Amino acid sequence: MSLLENESNDSFKNKKYAVTQIAKILREDYKDSGSAIKWIARHTGASEHAVRNWYDAAREPSIENFISLTKASPRLVEWFLNEVGREDLTQLIQKQNQAAGSHPMRRDLDIANLIFETEGSCDLLVKLQKLTLRQLWFCTQIKNGRKLCAKDLILVFDISRATAYRDINELVKMSLLCRVSQGKSEYYTTL
């Protein structure tokens, strides 16, 4: 079932309007980033082809895809709530986002919540001071149980493959991470 089928709200009767708005919001959130399609596909579970169709306003997402798409673009939630007459909830979300200072591609990078066990380890503190924000993000995501690889670093920070591997190799050399497996099944874990 399509997101826009059988809706009673007048603004949803114009299917082209909704499809255009979804594409406009995605483009505003990601500023035509080269990795936006891949990043959205990875975080929604949709195919890159489907995401490209939404991004180009060629097709509307299904209800299921729209719900998962809101994870990659929280502004879609605000737009939807405005369309169904729930501006009060939109204002609440906007206040929360202003307080958090979130960015759609880096909302899981919260420096205030970086936690490392540093008790009795002056050496670890010295190592942590030398890390970039990308490296800190990568370490904390792995420490929090996520299974990440270089591709994740590339998609989140829009960096080259060489830069991602250079960042990760430095973390491995510092003994902050350990490489598990090689090739396509490669991922990292904390020591």
Protein backbone atom coordinates (compact mmCIF):
# COMPACT_ATOMS: atom_id res chain seq x y z
CA MET A 1 0.00 0.00 0.00
CA SER A 2 1.32 3.40 -0.93
CA LEU A 3 1.72 6.13 1.65
CA LEU A 4 -0.52 8.40 -0.38
CA GLU A 5 -3.35 6.02 -1.26
CA ASN A 6 -6.80 6.28 0.33
CA GLU A 7 -6.04 9.41 2.37
CA SER A 8 -8.90 11.71 3.28
CA ASN A 9 -6.74 14.77 3.96
CA ASP A 10 -6.94 17.28 1.07
CA SER A 11 -3.20 17.89 0.94
CA PHE A 12 -2.55 14.19 0.31
CA LYS A 13 -4.94 14.05 -2.63
CA ASN A 14 -2.30 15.75 -4.70
CA LYS A 15 0.17 12.90 -4.93
CA LYS A 16 2.73 14.94 -6.85
CA TYR A 17 2.78 17.55 -4.07
CA ALA A 18 3.70 14.96 -1.43
CA VAL A 19 6.30 13.24 -3.61
CA THR A 20 7.90 16.62 -4.38
CA GLN A 21 7.91 17.62 -0.70
CA ILE A 22 9.59 14.37 0.36
CA ALA A 23 12.30 14.84 -2.28
CA LYS A 24 12.75 18.50 -1.32
CA ILE A 25 13.20 17.63 2.37
CA LEU A 26 15.71 14.87 1.60
CA ARG A 27 17.72 17.19 -0.63
CA GLU A 28 17.68 19.97 1.99
CA ASP A 29 18.81 17.53 4.68
CA TYR A 30 21.64 16.04 2.62
CA LYS A 31 22.56 18.94 0.29
CA ASP A 32 23.05 16.62 -2.70
CA SER A 33 25.81 14.79 -0.85
CA GLY A 34 27.34 12.11 -3.02
CA SER A 35 26.83 9.48 -0.34
CA ALA A 36 23.30 10.51 0.67
CA ILE A 37 21.55 7.79 -1.35
CA LYS A 38 23.76 5.06 0.11
CA TRP A 39 23.49 6.44 3.64
CA ILE A 40 19.67 6.66 3.48
CA ALA A 41 19.44 3.17 1.95
CA ARG A 42 21.62 1.71 4.68
CA HIS A 43 19.63 3.34 7.50
CA THR A 44 16.18 2.57 6.09
CA GLY A 45 16.83 -0.91 4.72
CA ALA A 46 15.46 0.17 1.33
CA SER A 47 17.28 -0.41 -1.94
CA GLU A 48 19.41 2.37 -3.41
CA HIS A 49 17.13 2.34 -6.45
CA ALA A 50 14.07 3.06 -4.30
CA VAL A 51 15.88 5.81 -2.41
CA ARG A 52 16.98 7.38 -5.71
CA ASN A 53 13.31 7.43 -6.79
CA TRP A 54 12.30 9.25 -3.59
CA TYR A 55 15.27 11.60 -3.83
CA ASP A 56 14.40 12.51 -7.44
CA ALA A 57 10.63 12.78 -6.75
CA ALA A 58 9.96 9.97 -9.22
CA ARG A 59 7.95 7.79 -6.78
CA GLU A 60 6.49 7.92 -3.31
CA PRO A 61 7.64 5.58 -0.54
CA SER A 62 5.35 2.90 0.84
CA ILE A 63 4.03 3.44 4.36
CA GLU A 64 6.65 1.06 5.75
CA ASN A 65 9.44 2.81 3.85
CA PHE A 66 8.18 6.25 4.87
CA ILE A 67 8.32 5.24 8.53
CA SER A 68 11.88 3.96 8.18
CA LEU A 69 12.78 7.01 6.08
CA THR A 70 11.94 9.26 9.03
CA LYS A 71 14.95 7.74 10.82
CA ALA A 72 17.23 9.11 8.12
CA SER A 73 15.38 12.43 7.82
CA PRO A 74 13.61 13.56 11.01
CA ARG A 75 12.29 16.63 9.18
CA LEU A 76 9.92 14.30 7.33
CA VAL A 77 8.17 13.66 10.65
CA GLU A 78 7.71 17.40 11.11
CA TRP A 79 6.35 17.78 7.58
CA PHE A 80 3.93 14.88 8.04
CA LEU A 81 2.68 16.21 11.39
CA ASN A 82 2.06 19.63 9.83
CA GLU A 83 0.15 18.01 6.97
CA VAL A 84 -2.18 16.17 9.35
CA GLY A 85 -2.74 19.24 11.52
CA ARG A 86 -0.47 18.42 14.48
CA GLU A 87 1.64 21.58 14.54
CA ASP A 88 1.80 21.30 18.34
CA LEU A 89 3.87 18.11 18.04
CA THR A 90 6.02 19.69 15.34
CA GLN A 91 6.88 22.58 17.67
CA LEU A 92 7.80 20.13 20.41
CA ILE A 93 10.16 18.24 18.06
CA GLN A 94 11.75 21.48 16.86
CA LYS A 95 12.45 22.58 20.44
CA GLN A 96 14.01 19.22 21.21
CA ASN A 97 16.21 19.38 18.10
CA GLN A 98 17.32 22.93 18.90
CA ALA A 99 18.31 21.85 22.38
CA ALA A 100 20.26 18.90 21.00
CA GLY A 101 21.78 20.83 18.10
CA SER A 102 21.43 17.74 15.94
CA HIS A 103 22.48 17.27 12.33
CA PRO A 104 20.62 14.60 10.32
CA MET A 105 23.74 12.65 9.34
CA ARG A 106 25.51 12.94 12.68
CA ARG A 107 22.74 12.72 15.25
CA ASP A 108 24.42 9.69 16.87
CA LEU A 109 27.64 11.66 17.46
CA ASP A 110 27.16 13.04 20.96
CA ILE A 111 30.52 14.09 22.36
CA ALA A 112 29.04 14.69 25.81
CA ASN A 113 28.22 10.97 26.05
CA LEU A 114 31.61 9.56 25.10
CA ILE A 115 32.52 7.15 27.87
CA PHE A 116 35.80 5.31 28.17
CA GLU A 117 37.15 3.46 31.16
CA THR A 118 40.18 5.56 32.02
CA GLU A 119 40.73 4.64 35.64
CA GLY A 120 44.38 3.88 36.20
CA SER A 121 45.25 4.35 32.54
CA CYS A 122 47.15 7.52 31.84
CA ASP A 123 48.30 5.95 28.56
CA LEU A 124 44.69 5.61 27.36
CA LEU A 125 43.98 9.27 28.11
CA VAL A 126 46.98 10.31 26.05
CA LYS A 127 45.75 8.14 23.15
CA LEU A 128 42.22 9.57 23.33
CA GLN A 129 43.51 13.13 23.17
CA LYS A 130 45.11 12.37 19.80
CA LEU A 131 41.90 11.08 18.16
CA THR A 132 39.84 12.97 15.60
CA LEU A 133 36.06 13.30 15.94
CA ARG A 134 35.66 10.62 13.27
CA GLN A 135 37.85 8.23 15.24
CA LEU A 136 36.03 9.01 18.50
CA TRP A 137 32.69 8.37 16.82
CA PHE A 138 33.91 5.09 15.34
CA CYS A 139 35.33 3.87 18.67
CA THR A 140 32.25 4.77 20.70
CA GLN A 141 29.87 3.16 18.20
CA ILE A 142 31.87 -0.06 18.36
CA LYS A 143 32.13 0.19 22.14
CA ASN A 144 28.32 0.53 22.25
CA GLY A 145 27.96 -2.80 20.45
CA ARG A 146 27.60 -1.79 16.81
CA LYS A 147 29.38 -3.87 14.19
CA LEU A 148 31.04 -1.28 11.95
CA CYS A 149 33.43 -1.29 9.03
CA ALA A 150 35.20 1.38 6.98
CA LYS A 151 32.11 1.79 4.79
CA ASP A 152 30.17 3.17 7.78
CA LEU A 153 32.81 5.81 8.40
CA ILE A 154 32.74 6.76 4.72
CA LEU A 155 28.96 7.11 4.63
CA VAL A 156 28.54 9.04 7.87
CA PHE A 157 31.37 11.52 7.37
CA ASP A 158 31.43 11.65 3.56
CA ILE A 159 35.15 10.92 3.39
CA SER A 160 37.30 8.94 0.97
CA ARG A 161 38.03 5.25 1.39
CA ALA A 162 41.72 6.01 1.97
CA THR A 163 40.91 8.47 4.77
CA ALA A 164 38.58 5.98 6.45
CA TYR A 165 41.19 3.21 6.39
CA ARG A 166 43.88 5.61 7.59
CA ASP A 167 41.67 6.59 10.58
CA ILE A 168 40.90 2.96 11.39
CA ASN A 169 44.51 1.79 10.99
CA GLU A 170 45.62 4.45 13.48
CA LEU A 171 43.05 3.12 15.97
CA VAL A 172 44.35 -0.42 15.45
CA LYS A 173 47.98 0.71 15.88
CA MET A 174 47.01 2.48 19.12
CA SER A 175 45.49 -0.81 20.32
CA LEU A 176 42.07 0.79 20.75
CA LEU A 177 40.47 -1.53 18.19
CA CYS A 178 41.09 -4.97 16.81
CA ARG A 179 40.38 -5.98 13.20
CA VAL A 180 38.17 -9.06 12.93
CA SER A 181 38.31 -10.91 9.60
CA GLN A 182 39.41 -9.47 6.25
CA GLY A 183 37.75 -8.40 3.01
CA LYS A 184 33.99 -8.02 2.67
CA SER A 185 33.24 -9.52 6.09
CA GLU A 186 35.73 -7.22 7.87
CA TYR A 187 34.61 -5.44 11.04
CA TYR A 188 36.22 -4.15 14.23
CA THR A 189 35.90 -4.71 17.95
CA THR A 190 37.31 -3.07 21.07
CA LEU A 191 40.12 -4.64 23.04
